Protein backbone atom coordinates (compact mmCIF):
# COMPACT_ATOMS: atom_id res chain seq x y z
CA MET A 1 17.82 71.06 89.91
CA ARG A 2 17.71 68.23 92.30
CA VAL A 3 16.06 65.23 92.10
CA ASP A 4 14.19 63.20 95.17
CA PRO A 5 15.34 59.72 95.15
CA ALA A 6 12.59 58.47 97.27
CA VAL A 7 10.01 56.35 95.32
CA ARG A 8 6.59 58.50 94.65
CA PRO A 9 3.42 56.37 94.12
CA SER A 10 1.91 57.20 90.83
CA SER A 11 -1.26 58.22 90.61
CA ALA A 12 -2.07 56.62 87.66
CA PRO A 13 -2.28 52.89 87.62
CA VAL A 14 -0.34 51.23 85.17
CA ARG A 15 -2.18 49.00 82.29
CA PRO A 16 -0.69 46.48 80.23
CA ALA A 17 -0.17 47.09 76.53
CA GLU A 18 -3.03 46.33 74.65
CA ALA A 19 -0.79 44.24 72.05
CA PRO A 20 1.81 41.95 73.21
CA ALA A 21 5.68 42.44 72.27
CA ARG A 22 6.31 40.62 69.16
CA THR A 23 8.08 37.51 70.19
CA GLU A 24 11.39 36.75 67.91
CA SER A 25 10.83 34.04 65.69
CA PRO A 26 12.93 31.05 65.67
CA ASN A 27 13.03 30.68 62.24
CA ARG A 28 14.03 34.75 61.37
CA THR A 29 16.77 33.57 63.95
CA ALA A 30 18.09 30.68 62.15
CA ASP A 31 18.12 32.21 59.18
CA PHE A 32 19.98 34.77 60.12
CA GLU A 33 22.73 32.50 62.25
CA ALA A 34 23.38 31.13 58.46
CA LEU A 35 23.53 33.88 56.53
CA LEU A 36 26.41 35.38 59.32
CA LYS A 37 28.02 31.66 59.07
CA GLY A 38 27.87 31.83 55.21
CA ARG A 39 29.36 35.22 54.62
CA GLY A 40 33.25 34.15 55.93
CA ALA A 41 35.76 36.89 56.10
CA GLY A 42 37.21 35.55 53.18
CA GLU A 43 34.61 36.15 51.29
CA ARG A 44 34.74 40.10 51.61
CA ARG A 45 36.52 41.68 48.75
CA SER A 46 37.46 45.25 48.84
CA LEU A 47 36.31 47.85 46.12
CA GLN A 48 39.74 48.05 44.44
CA HIS A 49 40.17 44.13 44.10
CA GLY A 50 37.14 44.13 42.06
CA LEU A 51 38.06 47.04 39.53
CA GLN A 52 41.33 45.09 39.79
CA ARG A 53 39.52 41.89 38.71
CA LEU A 54 37.61 43.90 35.75
CA GLY A 55 40.60 44.83 34.27
CA GLU A 56 42.24 41.81 33.14
CA VAL A 57 41.95 40.28 30.06
CA GLY A 58 39.27 37.11 30.49
CA SER A 59 36.97 38.88 32.50
CA VAL A 60 35.49 40.91 29.96
CA GLU A 61 33.85 39.17 26.39
CA PRO A 62 35.21 40.52 23.20
CA SER A 63 32.37 40.16 21.66
CA LEU A 64 30.42 42.73 23.19
CA PHE A 65 32.96 45.39 21.97
CA SER A 66 32.85 43.52 17.87
CA SER A 67 31.89 45.87 15.12
CA SER A 68 28.76 43.41 14.20
CA ARG A 69 27.52 43.62 17.53
CA ALA A 70 27.68 47.83 17.59
CA LEU A 71 26.26 47.57 14.04
CA ALA A 72 23.31 45.33 15.19
CA LEU A 73 22.85 48.10 18.00
CA LEU A 74 23.16 51.07 15.59
CA GLU A 75 20.45 49.27 13.09
CA HIS A 76 18.24 48.74 16.04
CA ALA A 77 18.63 52.73 17.21
CA ARG A 78 17.65 53.10 13.74
CA GLU A 79 14.77 51.23 13.15
CA HIS A 80 13.11 50.97 16.61
CA ILE A 81 14.43 54.04 18.86
CA VAL A 82 14.45 57.07 16.77
CA PRO A 83 10.82 56.52 14.70
CA ALA A 84 9.26 56.29 18.47
CA LEU A 85 11.00 59.50 19.36
CA GLN A 86 8.42 61.90 20.69
CA THR A 87 10.11 64.94 19.25
CA ASP A 88 9.71 67.17 16.04
CA PRO A 89 9.96 65.33 12.57
CA GLN A 90 13.32 67.55 11.80
CA THR A 91 14.99 66.23 14.96
CA ARG A 92 13.97 62.43 14.06
CA ALA A 93 15.44 62.69 10.71
CA LEU A 94 18.51 64.44 11.63
CA ALA A 95 19.16 61.61 14.58
CA ASP A 96 18.39 59.39 11.84
CA ALA A 97 20.77 60.45 9.34
CA VAL A 98 23.59 60.78 12.08
CA LEU A 99 23.01 57.14 12.57
CA ALA A 100 22.87 55.86 8.92
CA GLN A 101 25.94 57.70 8.53
CA GLU A 102 27.66 56.15 11.41
CA ILE A 103 26.19 52.75 9.93
CA GLU A 104 27.76 53.03 6.76
CA TRP A 105 31.52 54.14 8.16
CA ARG A 106 31.23 51.44 10.24
CA GLN A 107 30.60 49.09 6.86
CA LEU A 108 33.19 50.68 5.43
CA LEU A 109 35.64 50.59 7.73
CA ASP A 110 34.94 46.54 8.18
CA GLY A 111 35.08 46.81 4.82
CA TYR A 112 38.68 47.88 4.63
CA ARG A 113 39.80 45.77 7.17
CA HIS A 114 38.60 42.65 5.59
CA GLU A 115 40.82 43.39 2.45
CA GLU A 116 43.67 44.29 4.73
CA GLU A 117 43.28 41.18 5.91
CA ALA A 118 43.03 38.82 3.07
C-alpha cells in the first residue's frame, strides 16, 4: 500500500472542541512535587526489611498473647458472637460448649502456672 505524501484538503471543516481541555492546576502540581520531595529514597524499605523488623523482639506487644487477653476474647465470643450466629440451635450449643471447655482449660492452666510460680 502506498501513501501519498501530498496534503489533501479536507472536505469537512475542522470545528473547535465543545469543552476546552482541562488546564493543569498549579495547586495539584505543587502538591505532587511536595509528595515526591517528601518521599526520599532512604524512606523506601523492602518487604524483607519490614518482615525482619516485625521479627524483632520489641516490635510485638507481649500483652496481645497473654492468657488474660485470650480468655477475654473467648468469653466475648461465647457471650456475644455465638448467640448471634444465624444457624441451628445444635450448632450454637456445640460452639458454646467448645468455647466453655477452652475457657475452663485455660483457667486451669493459669492456675497451675501460678501455683508453680509461688
